[in-house]
Amino acid sequence: MKSSHSTLLILFFLFGITTAFAQTPQFPIVKEYGGIYEIPDASERPDPSLEYKVIIDLTGAADDPKQISRWVDNIARMMNLHGLAGVPKERLKVKVVVHGGAVFTLLNDENYSKRNEVDNPNLPVYEALKEAGADIMVCGQSLVARNLKTSDLWPGVRISHSAMTAITTYVPQGYTLLRF
């Protein structure tokens, strides 16, 4: 009797732990990408009354070109984390400056397929980011260095003179710099 009572307590304990951590990802601002989880015990959270201005210096691409770059998805995560904490989409200003090897994440499907034999898995994420209000820019200098043209890219991207000048333009305007 004592042994079955102990077993029952252990099962309830394990079930409780599993249930506590078995959350469904949430997508409050960027739909379908950058899934995040509520942390009920968090005492440090974004302040919904503040305006958040973020510029992301994006240089990373996926190791496997058939996969979404975790760095591109991380932009969606950052936006969703603020949204889950109650920051309204209108108070979250996000600019993304893509350069270096990450410029290939912006290739349109035709050009991405020529290089990788698969459609660009990052484009739906970029579309969702733009729909959520993110401003996506690519470094013009990186395009020239890689012999790419504007017509090679996803049409939702803006061309910046350079990543460096975009960053030096927005940081003095109060944008916080994050590097992915």
N, C-alpha and C. Protein backbone atom coordinates (compact mmCIF):
# COMPACT_ATOMS: atom_id res chain seq x y z
N MET A 1 0.82 -1.20 0.00
CA MET A 1 0.00 0.00 0.00
C MET A 1 0.86 1.25 0.00
N LYS A 2 1.88 1.23 0.85
CA LYS A 2 2.76 2.39 0.93
C LYS A 2 3.49 2.61 -0.40
N SER A 3 3.90 1.53 -1.04
CA SER A 3 4.62 1.62 -2.31
C SER A 3 3.73 2.18 -3.41
N SER A 4 2.47 1.77 -3.50
CA SER A 4 1.58 2.29 -4.53
C SER A 4 1.25 3.76 -4.27
N HIS A 5 1.17 4.14 -2.99
CA HIS A 5 0.94 5.55 -2.65
C HIS A 5 2.12 6.42 -3.09
N SER A 6 3.34 5.92 -2.89
CA SER A 6 4.55 6.65 -3.31
C SER A 6 4.60 6.76 -4.83
N THR A 7 4.27 5.69 -5.50
CA THR A 7 4.27 5.69 -6.96
C THR A 7 3.26 6.71 -7.49
N LEU A 8 2.11 6.75 -6.87
CA LEU A 8 1.08 7.70 -7.28
C LEU A 8 1.55 9.14 -7.07
N LEU A 9 2.21 9.42 -5.96
CA LEU A 9 2.73 10.76 -5.70
C LEU A 9 3.80 11.15 -6.72
N ILE A 10 4.66 10.21 -7.04
CA ILE A 10 5.70 10.47 -8.04
C ILE A 10 5.08 10.78 -9.40
N LEU A 11 4.06 10.01 -9.78
CA LEU A 11 3.40 10.25 -11.07
C LEU A 11 2.73 11.62 -11.11
N PHE A 12 2.04 12.00 -10.03
CA PHE A 12 1.42 13.33 -9.98
C PHE A 12 2.48 14.42 -10.07
N PHE A 13 3.60 14.23 -9.39
CA PHE A 13 4.69 15.21 -9.42
C PHE A 13 5.25 15.35 -10.83
N LEU A 14 5.54 14.21 -11.48
CA LEU A 14 6.08 14.24 -12.84
C LEU A 14 5.08 14.83 -13.83
N PHE A 15 3.81 14.47 -13.68
CA PHE A 15 2.78 15.01 -14.56
C PHE A 15 2.69 16.53 -14.39
N GLY A 16 2.77 17.00 -13.17
CA GLY A 16 2.73 18.44 -12.90
C GLY A 16 3.89 19.17 -13.53
N ILE A 17 5.10 18.63 -13.45
CA ILE A 17 6.28 19.25 -14.06
C ILE A 17 6.14 19.26 -15.57
N THR A 18 5.73 18.13 -16.14
CA THR A 18 5.58 18.04 -17.59
C THR A 18 4.53 19.05 -18.08
N THR A 19 3.42 19.16 -17.38
CA THR A 19 2.36 20.08 -17.78
C THR A 19 2.84 21.53 -17.69
N ALA A 20 3.62 21.83 -16.67
CA ALA A 20 4.10 23.21 -16.49
C ALA A 20 5.02 23.64 -17.63
N PHE A 21 5.77 22.70 -18.19
CA PHE A 21 6.72 23.05 -19.24
C PHE A 21 6.21 22.73 -20.64
N ALA A 22 5.08 22.10 -20.76
CA ALA A 22 4.54 21.73 -22.06
C ALA A 22 3.61 22.82 -22.57
N GLN A 23 4.18 23.97 -22.85
CA GLN A 23 3.40 25.08 -23.36
C GLN A 23 3.37 25.06 -24.88
N THR A 24 2.40 25.73 -25.41
CA THR A 24 2.30 25.91 -26.85
C THR A 24 2.98 27.23 -27.19
N PRO A 25 3.83 27.26 -28.23
CA PRO A 25 4.46 28.53 -28.60
C PRO A 25 3.40 29.58 -28.95
N GLN A 26 3.72 30.83 -28.65
CA GLN A 26 2.81 31.94 -28.93
C GLN A 26 3.45 32.90 -29.93
N PHE A 27 2.59 33.57 -30.71
CA PHE A 27 3.03 34.45 -31.79
C PHE A 27 2.22 35.75 -31.75
N PRO A 28 2.40 36.58 -30.71
CA PRO A 28 1.52 37.74 -30.56
C PRO A 28 1.71 38.86 -31.58
N ILE A 29 2.88 39.02 -32.15
CA ILE A 29 3.10 40.11 -33.12
C ILE A 29 3.46 39.56 -34.49
N VAL A 30 4.44 38.68 -34.57
CA VAL A 30 4.84 38.08 -35.85
C VAL A 30 4.17 36.71 -35.93
N LYS A 31 3.20 36.62 -36.79
CA LYS A 31 2.39 35.40 -36.89
C LYS A 31 3.18 34.25 -37.52
N GLU A 32 3.10 33.09 -36.88
CA GLU A 32 3.67 31.82 -37.35
C GLU A 32 5.18 31.67 -37.19
N TYR A 33 5.89 32.73 -36.82
CA TYR A 33 7.35 32.63 -36.70
C TYR A 33 7.80 33.24 -35.38
N GLY A 34 8.95 32.75 -34.89
CA GLY A 34 9.50 33.28 -33.66
C GLY A 34 8.67 32.93 -32.44
N GLY A 35 8.22 31.67 -32.38
CA GLY A 35 7.39 31.24 -31.26
C GLY A 35 8.10 31.39 -29.92
N ILE A 36 7.38 31.91 -28.95
CA ILE A 36 7.93 32.15 -27.62
C ILE A 36 6.94 31.64 -26.58
N TYR A 37 7.37 31.62 -25.31
CA TYR A 37 6.58 31.04 -24.24
C TYR A 37 6.43 32.03 -23.08
N GLU A 38 5.29 31.99 -22.46
CA GLU A 38 5.04 32.81 -21.28
C GLU A 38 5.88 32.28 -20.12
N ILE A 39 6.46 33.19 -19.37
CA ILE A 39 7.25 32.84 -18.19
C ILE A 39 6.55 33.52 -17.00
N PRO A 40 5.62 32.82 -16.36
CA PRO A 40 4.82 33.45 -15.31
C PRO A 40 5.66 33.98 -14.13
N ASP A 41 6.79 33.36 -13.86
CA ASP A 41 7.61 33.76 -12.73
C ASP A 41 8.57 34.91 -13.05
N ALA A 42 8.59 35.38 -14.28
CA ALA A 42 9.54 36.44 -14.65
C ALA A 42 9.21 37.73 -13.92
N SER A 43 10.21 38.29 -13.25
CA SER A 43 10.00 39.57 -12.57
C SER A 43 10.55 40.72 -13.42
N GLU A 44 11.37 40.43 -14.38
CA GLU A 44 11.91 41.44 -15.31
C GLU A 44 11.20 41.26 -16.64
N ARG A 45 10.42 42.26 -17.01
CA ARG A 45 9.63 42.20 -18.24
C ARG A 45 9.67 43.56 -18.93
N PRO A 46 9.47 43.58 -20.25
CA PRO A 46 9.38 44.87 -20.94
C PRO A 46 8.20 45.68 -20.40
N ASP A 47 8.36 46.98 -20.43
CA ASP A 47 7.33 47.90 -19.94
C ASP A 47 6.42 48.28 -21.11
N PRO A 48 5.15 47.88 -21.08
CA PRO A 48 4.23 48.16 -22.19
C PRO A 48 3.99 49.65 -22.44
N SER A 49 4.35 50.51 -21.50
CA SER A 49 4.12 51.94 -21.69
C SER A 49 5.26 52.62 -22.45
N LEU A 50 6.38 51.91 -22.63
CA LEU A 50 7.53 52.48 -23.33
C LEU A 50 7.46 52.23 -24.83
N GLU A 51 8.17 53.07 -25.58
CA GLU A 51 8.36 52.81 -27.00
C GLU A 51 9.73 52.16 -27.15
N TYR A 52 9.77 51.05 -27.86
CA TYR A 52 11.02 50.32 -28.07
C TYR A 52 11.47 50.54 -29.51
N LYS A 53 12.68 51.04 -29.66
CA LYS A 53 13.27 51.28 -30.97
C LYS A 53 14.52 50.41 -31.06
N VAL A 54 14.51 49.46 -32.00
CA VAL A 54 15.59 48.48 -32.11
C VAL A 54 16.08 48.43 -33.55
N ILE A 55 17.39 48.45 -33.71
CA ILE A 55 17.99 48.21 -35.03
C ILE A 55 18.82 46.94 -34.90
N ILE A 56 18.57 46.02 -35.81
CA ILE A 56 19.25 44.72 -35.77
C ILE A 56 20.27 44.64 -36.88
N ASP A 57 21.48 44.35 -36.49
CA ASP A 57 22.62 44.16 -37.39
C ASP A 57 22.67 42.66 -37.69
N LEU A 58 22.10 42.26 -38.82
CA LEU A 58 21.96 40.84 -39.16
C LEU A 58 23.03 40.40 -40.14
N THR A 59 23.92 39.53 -39.68
CA THR A 59 25.00 39.02 -40.55
C THR A 59 24.96 37.49 -40.69
N GLY A 60 24.15 36.81 -39.87
CA GLY A 60 24.17 35.35 -39.86
C GLY A 60 23.14 34.73 -40.76
N ALA A 61 23.54 33.63 -41.39
CA ALA A 61 22.63 32.83 -42.22
C ALA A 61 22.62 31.41 -41.66
N ALA A 62 21.72 30.59 -42.13
CA ALA A 62 21.64 29.20 -41.68
C ALA A 62 22.81 28.40 -42.23
N ASP A 63 23.28 27.43 -41.45
CA ASP A 63 24.31 26.51 -41.94
C ASP A 63 23.75 25.65 -43.07
N ASP A 64 22.47 25.27 -42.93
CA ASP A 64 21.80 24.46 -43.94
C ASP A 64 20.86 25.38 -44.72
N PRO A 65 21.14 25.63 -46.01
CA PRO A 65 20.32 26.56 -46.79
C PRO A 65 18.87 26.11 -46.96
N LYS A 66 18.56 24.89 -46.60
CA LYS A 66 17.18 24.39 -46.70
C LYS A 66 16.37 24.77 -45.46
N GLN A 67 17.03 25.31 -44.46
CA GLN A 67 16.39 25.67 -43.20
C GLN A 67 16.27 27.19 -43.05
N ILE A 68 15.28 27.63 -42.29
CA ILE A 68 15.17 29.05 -41.94
C ILE A 68 16.36 29.40 -41.07
N SER A 69 16.97 30.53 -41.34
CA SER A 69 18.07 31.01 -40.51
C SER A 69 17.54 31.29 -39.11
N ARG A 70 18.18 30.71 -38.10
CA ARG A 70 17.74 30.96 -36.73
C ARG A 70 17.88 32.43 -36.38
N TRP A 71 18.76 33.13 -37.09
CA TRP A 71 18.96 34.55 -36.83
C TRP A 71 17.80 35.37 -37.37
N VAL A 72 17.27 34.99 -38.52
CA VAL A 72 16.09 35.66 -39.08
C VAL A 72 14.90 35.38 -38.16
N ASP A 73 14.74 34.14 -37.75
CA ASP A 73 13.65 33.77 -36.85
C ASP A 73 13.80 34.48 -35.50
N ASN A 74 15.03 34.73 -35.09
CA ASN A 74 15.27 35.40 -33.81
C ASN A 74 14.71 36.82 -33.80
N ILE A 75 14.65 37.46 -34.95
CA ILE A 75 14.04 38.79 -35.03
C ILE A 75 12.56 38.68 -34.67
N ALA A 76 11.91 37.67 -35.22
CA ALA A 76 10.50 37.43 -34.89
C ALA A 76 10.34 37.11 -33.41
N ARG A 77 11.26 36.34 -32.85
CA ARG A 77 11.20 36.01 -31.42
C ARG A 77 11.30 37.29 -30.58
N MET A 78 12.24 38.16 -30.92
CA MET A 78 12.42 39.39 -30.17
C MET A 78 11.13 40.23 -30.19
N MET A 79 10.52 40.33 -31.35
CA MET A 79 9.28 41.10 -31.47
C MET A 79 8.16 40.43 -30.67
N ASN A 80 8.05 39.12 -30.78
CA ASN A 80 7.00 38.40 -30.06
C ASN A 80 7.19 38.44 -28.54
N LEU A 81 8.43 38.42 -28.09
CA LEU A 81 8.69 38.52 -26.64
C LEU A 81 8.16 39.84 -26.09
N HIS A 82 8.36 40.91 -26.83
CA HIS A 82 7.82 42.21 -26.39
C HIS A 82 6.30 42.18 -26.41
N GLY A 83 5.74 41.61 -27.46
CA GLY A 83 4.28 41.53 -27.56
C GLY A 83 3.66 40.70 -26.45
N LEU A 84 4.26 39.59 -26.12
CA LEU A 84 3.73 38.73 -25.05
C LEU A 84 3.76 39.46 -23.71
N ALA A 85 4.71 40.37 -23.55
CA ALA A 85 4.80 41.14 -22.31
C ALA A 85 3.83 42.33 -22.31
N GLY A 86 3.08 42.49 -23.37
CA GLY A 86 2.06 43.54 -23.41
C GLY A 86 2.45 44.78 -24.19
N VAL A 87 3.63 44.79 -24.81
CA VAL A 87 4.03 45.95 -25.60
C VAL A 87 3.21 45.93 -26.90
N PRO A 88 2.43 46.98 -27.16
CA PRO A 88 1.64 47.00 -28.40
C PRO A 88 2.56 47.10 -29.62
N LYS A 89 2.13 46.50 -30.70
CA LYS A 89 2.89 46.51 -31.95
C LYS A 89 3.29 47.94 -32.35
N GLU A 90 2.43 48.90 -32.08
CA GLU A 90 2.69 50.29 -32.45
C GLU A 90 3.84 50.90 -31.64
N ARG A 91 4.18 50.31 -30.52
CA ARG A 91 5.27 50.83 -29.67
C ARG A 91 6.58 50.09 -29.90
N LEU A 92 6.60 49.23 -30.90
CA LEU A 92 7.79 48.45 -31.21
C LEU A 92 8.26 48.82 -32.61
N LYS A 93 9.32 49.61 -32.68
CA LYS A 93 9.90 50.06 -33.95
C LYS A 93 11.14 49.22 -34.23
N VAL A 94 11.10 48.42 -35.28
CA VAL A 94 12.20 47.51 -35.58
C VAL A 94 12.72 47.77 -36.99
N LYS A 95 14.03 47.97 -37.06
CA LYS A 95 14.73 48.09 -38.34
C LYS A 95 15.74 46.97 -38.39
N VAL A 96 15.82 46.30 -39.53
CA VAL A 96 16.76 45.20 -39.71
C VAL A 96 17.69 45.58 -40.85
N VAL A 97 18.99 45.53 -40.57
CA VAL A 97 19.99 45.82 -41.60
C VAL A 97 20.72 44.50 -41.89
N VAL A 98 20.51 43.97 -43.09
CA VAL A 98 21.08 42.69 -43.48
C VAL A 98 22.35 42.95 -44.29
N HIS A 99 23.44 42.30 -43.89
CA HIS A 99 24.68 42.43 -44.67
C HIS A 99 25.54 41.20 -44.47
N GLY A 100 26.72 41.23 -45.06
CA GLY A 100 27.60 40.06 -44.99
C GLY A 100 26.92 38.86 -45.63
N GLY A 101 27.21 37.68 -45.09
CA GLY A 101 26.65 36.44 -45.63
C GLY A 101 25.15 36.33 -45.51
N ALA A 102 24.54 37.15 -44.66
CA ALA A 102 23.09 37.10 -44.50
C ALA A 102 22.35 37.66 -45.71
N VAL A 103 23.03 38.37 -46.61
CA VAL A 103 22.33 38.92 -47.78
C VAL A 103 21.69 37.81 -48.62
N PHE A 104 22.26 36.60 -48.56
CA PHE A 104 21.70 35.50 -49.34
C PHE A 104 20.34 35.05 -48.80
N THR A 105 20.02 35.41 -47.53
CA THR A 105 18.70 35.08 -46.99
C THR A 105 17.61 35.92 -47.64
N LEU A 106 18.02 36.96 -48.36
CA LEU A 106 17.06 37.85 -49.01
C LEU A 106 16.88 37.58 -50.50
N LEU A 107 17.57 36.57 -51.02
CA LEU A 107 17.41 36.26 -52.45
C LEU A 107 15.98 35.82 -52.74
N ASN A 108 15.47 36.25 -53.90
CA ASN A 108 14.15 35.77 -54.30
C ASN A 108 14.26 34.27 -54.59
N ASP A 109 13.11 33.60 -54.67
CA ASP A 109 13.11 32.14 -54.83
C ASP A 109 13.89 31.69 -56.06
N GLU A 110 13.74 32.41 -57.16
CA GLU A 110 14.44 32.02 -58.39
C GLU A 110 15.96 31.99 -58.18
N ASN A 111 16.51 33.03 -57.60
CA ASN A 111 17.96 33.10 -57.41
C ASN A 111 18.44 32.19 -56.27
N TYR A 112 17.63 32.05 -55.25
CA TYR A 112 17.99 31.16 -54.14
C TYR A 112 18.03 29.71 -54.64
N SER A 113 17.04 29.35 -55.46
CA SER A 113 16.97 27.99 -56.02
C SER A 113 18.17 27.67 -56.89
N LYS A 114 18.64 28.65 -57.65
CA LYS A 114 19.82 28.43 -58.49
C LYS A 114 21.04 28.06 -57.64
N ARG A 115 21.15 28.65 -56.47
CA ARG A 115 22.29 28.40 -55.59
C ARG A 115 22.11 27.17 -54.70
N ASN A 116 20.86 26.91 -54.29
CA ASN A 116 20.63 25.92 -53.24
C ASN A 116 19.65 24.81 -53.60
N GLU A 117 19.09 24.85 -54.80
CA GLU A 117 18.15 23.83 -55.28
C GLU A 117 16.91 23.70 -54.40
N VAL A 118 16.52 24.80 -53.78
CA VAL A 118 15.31 24.85 -52.96
C VAL A 118 14.85 26.30 -52.89
N ASP A 119 13.53 26.52 -52.76
CA ASP A 119 13.04 27.88 -52.58
C ASP A 119 13.57 28.45 -51.26
N ASN A 120 13.64 29.75 -51.18
CA ASN A 120 14.20 30.41 -50.01
C ASN A 120 13.26 30.26 -48.81
N PRO A 121 13.66 29.49 -47.79
CA PRO A 121 12.79 29.29 -46.63
C PRO A 121 12.66 30.53 -45.75
N ASN A 122 13.52 31.53 -45.94
CA ASN A 122 13.50 32.74 -45.12
C ASN A 122 12.46 33.76 -45.57
N LEU A 123 12.04 33.68 -46.82
CA LEU A 123 11.14 34.70 -47.34
C LEU A 123 9.80 34.77 -46.60
N PRO A 124 9.18 33.64 -46.24
CA PRO A 124 7.94 33.77 -45.46
C PRO A 124 8.16 34.45 -44.10
N VAL A 125 9.32 34.27 -43.52
CA VAL A 125 9.63 34.93 -42.25
C VAL A 125 9.76 36.43 -42.48
N TYR A 126 10.51 36.81 -43.52
CA TYR A 126 10.64 38.24 -43.84
C TYR A 126 9.27 38.86 -44.14
N GLU A 127 8.41 38.14 -44.84
CA GLU A 127 7.06 38.64 -45.13
C GLU A 127 6.30 38.87 -43.83
N ALA A 128 6.38 37.92 -42.91
CA ALA A 128 5.69 38.05 -41.62
C ALA A 128 6.27 39.20 -40.80
N LEU A 129 7.59 39.38 -40.85
CA LEU A 129 8.23 40.49 -40.15
C LEU A 129 7.74 41.83 -40.69
N LYS A 130 7.70 41.92 -42.01
CA LYS A 130 7.24 43.17 -42.63
C LYS A 130 5.78 43.42 -42.29
N GLU A 131 4.96 42.40 -42.33
CA GLU A 131 3.55 42.52 -41.98
C GLU A 131 3.39 43.01 -40.53
N ALA A 132 4.33 42.60 -39.67
CA ALA A 132 4.30 43.00 -38.26
C ALA A 132 4.90 44.39 -38.03
N GLY A 133 5.40 45.02 -39.09
CA GLY A 133 5.89 46.39 -38.98
C GLY A 133 7.39 46.56 -39.05
N ALA A 134 8.15 45.49 -39.20
CA ALA A 134 9.61 45.62 -39.29
C ALA A 134 10.00 46.22 -40.65
N ASP A 135 11.03 47.04 -40.62
CA ASP A 135 11.58 47.68 -41.82
C ASP A 135 12.86 46.90 -42.17
N ILE A 136 12.85 46.19 -43.29
CA ILE A 136 13.97 45.34 -43.69
C ILE A 136 14.81 46.08 -44.74
N MET A 137 16.10 46.22 -44.44
CA MET A 137 17.04 46.87 -45.36
C MET A 137 18.21 45.93 -45.64
N VAL A 138 18.81 46.09 -46.80
CA VAL A 138 20.01 45.33 -47.11
C VAL A 138 21.13 46.32 -47.45
N CYS A 139 22.32 45.96 -47.07
CA CYS A 139 23.49 46.79 -47.31
C CYS A 139 23.85 46.78 -48.80
N GLY A 140 23.82 47.96 -49.41
CA GLY A 140 24.19 48.07 -50.83
C GLY A 140 25.62 47.66 -51.08
N GLN A 141 26.51 47.94 -50.14
CA GLN A 141 27.93 47.58 -50.29
C GLN A 141 28.09 46.06 -50.32
N SER A 142 27.31 45.35 -49.49
CA SER A 142 27.36 43.89 -49.48
C SER A 142 26.85 43.30 -50.80
N LEU A 143 25.86 43.97 -51.38
CA LEU A 143 25.34 43.51 -52.67
C LEU A 143 26.42 43.62 -53.74
N VAL A 144 27.08 44.78 -53.80
CA VAL A 144 28.13 44.99 -54.80
C VAL A 144 29.26 43.98 -54.59
N ALA A 145 29.68 43.76 -53.33
CA ALA A 145 30.77 42.84 -53.03
C ALA A 145 30.44 41.40 -53.44
N ARG A 146 29.15 41.07 -53.50
CA ARG A 146 28.73 39.71 -53.86
C ARG A 146 28.14 39.65 -55.26
N ASN A 147 28.29 40.73 -56.01
CA ASN A 147 27.82 40.79 -57.39
C ASN A 147 26.32 40.49 -57.49
N LEU A 148 25.55 41.06 -56.56
CA LEU A 148 24.10 40.88 -56.58
C LEU A 148 23.43 42.18 -57.00
N LYS A 149 22.26 42.05 -57.64
CA LYS A 149 21.47 43.21 -58.07
C LYS A 149 20.17 43.24 -57.27
N THR A 150 19.55 44.38 -57.26
CA THR A 150 18.27 44.54 -56.58
C THR A 150 17.26 43.52 -57.11
N SER A 151 17.29 43.26 -58.39
CA SER A 151 16.34 42.31 -59.00
C SER A 151 16.56 40.87 -58.53
N ASP A 152 17.70 40.58 -57.89
CA ASP A 152 17.96 39.24 -57.36
C ASP A 152 17.26 39.01 -56.02
N LEU A 153 16.72 40.08 -55.44
CA LEU A 153 16.24 40.04 -54.06
C LEU A 153 14.73 39.99 -53.94
N TRP A 154 14.31 39.61 -52.74
CA TRP A 154 12.91 39.69 -52.34
C TRP A 154 12.47 41.14 -52.49
N PRO A 155 11.33 41.41 -53.12
CA PRO A 155 10.93 42.79 -53.40
C PRO A 155 10.55 43.61 -52.16
N GLY A 156 10.41 42.99 -51.00
CA GLY A 156 10.03 43.72 -49.80
C GLY A 156 11.17 44.41 -49.08
N VAL A 157 12.39 44.26 -49.59
CA VAL A 157 13.56 44.82 -48.93
C VAL A 157 13.90 46.19 -49.52
N ARG A 158 14.39 47.09 -48.64
CA ARG A 158 14.90 48.39 -49.10
C ARG A 158 16.42 48.32 -49.16
N ILE A 159 17.01 49.08 -50.08
CA ILE A 159 18.46 49.10 -50.22
C ILE A 159 19.01 50.27 -49.41
N SER A 160 19.97 49.97 -48.56
CA SER A 160 20.66 50.99 -47.77
C SER A 160 22.01 51.26 -48.41
N HIS A 161 22.48 52.48 -48.31
CA HIS A 161 23.82 52.82 -48.82
C HIS A 161 24.85 51.84 -48.26
N SER A 162 24.76 51.59 -46.97
CA SER A 162 25.61 50.59 -46.32
C SER A 162 24.99 50.21 -44.98
N ALA A 163 25.41 49.09 -44.44
CA ALA A 163 24.97 48.70 -43.09
C ALA A 163 25.51 49.69 -42.07
N MET A 164 26.77 50.07 -42.24
CA MET A 164 27.39 50.98 -41.27
C MET A 164 26.67 52.33 -41.20
N THR A 165 26.32 52.88 -42.36
CA THR A 165 25.66 54.18 -42.33
C THR A 165 24.23 54.07 -41.83
N ALA A 166 23.56 52.95 -42.08
CA ALA A 166 22.21 52.76 -41.53
C ALA A 166 22.28 52.73 -40.00
N ILE A 167 23.24 52.00 -39.49
CA ILE A 167 23.39 51.90 -38.03
C ILE A 167 23.76 53.26 -37.43
N THR A 168 24.72 53.95 -38.06
CA THR A 168 25.12 55.25 -37.51
C THR A 168 24.04 56.31 -37.68
N THR A 169 23.08 56.07 -38.56
CA THR A 169 21.95 56.98 -38.71
C THR A 169 20.90 56.75 -37.62
N TYR A 170 20.60 55.49 -37.32
CA TYR A 170 19.50 55.20 -36.40
C TYR A 170 19.90 55.13 -34.93
N VAL A 171 21.11 54.75 -34.61
CA VAL A 171 21.51 54.70 -33.20
C VAL A 171 21.41 56.08 -32.54
N PRO A 172 21.89 57.17 -33.18
CA PRO A 172 21.72 58.48 -32.55
C PRO A 172 20.26 58.93 -32.41
N GLN A 173 19.37 58.26 -33.15
CA GLN A 173 17.93 58.58 -33.04
C GLN A 173 17.27 57.78 -31.93
N GLY A 174 18.08 57.08 -31.13
CA GLY A 174 17.54 56.35 -29.99
C GLY A 174 17.30 54.87 -30.22
N TYR A 175 17.72 54.33 -31.35
CA TYR A 175 17.55 52.91 -31.60
C TYR A 175 18.64 52.12 -30.85
N THR A 176 18.22 51.03 -30.22
CA THR A 176 19.15 50.14 -29.53
C THR A 176 19.68 49.15 -30.56
N LEU A 177 20.99 48.96 -30.58
CA LEU A 177 21.63 48.07 -31.54
C LEU A 177 21.72 46.65 -30.98
N LEU A 178 21.16 45.69 -31.74
CA LEU A 178 21.32 44.27 -31.44
C LEU A 178 22.03 43.62 -32.61
N ARG A 179 22.92 42.69 -32.33
CA ARG A 179 23.64 42.00 -33.41
C ARG A 179 23.24 40.53 -33.42
N PHE A 180 22.77 40.08 -34.60
CA PHE A 180 22.39 38.67 -34.78
C PHE A 180 23.25 38.10 -35.89
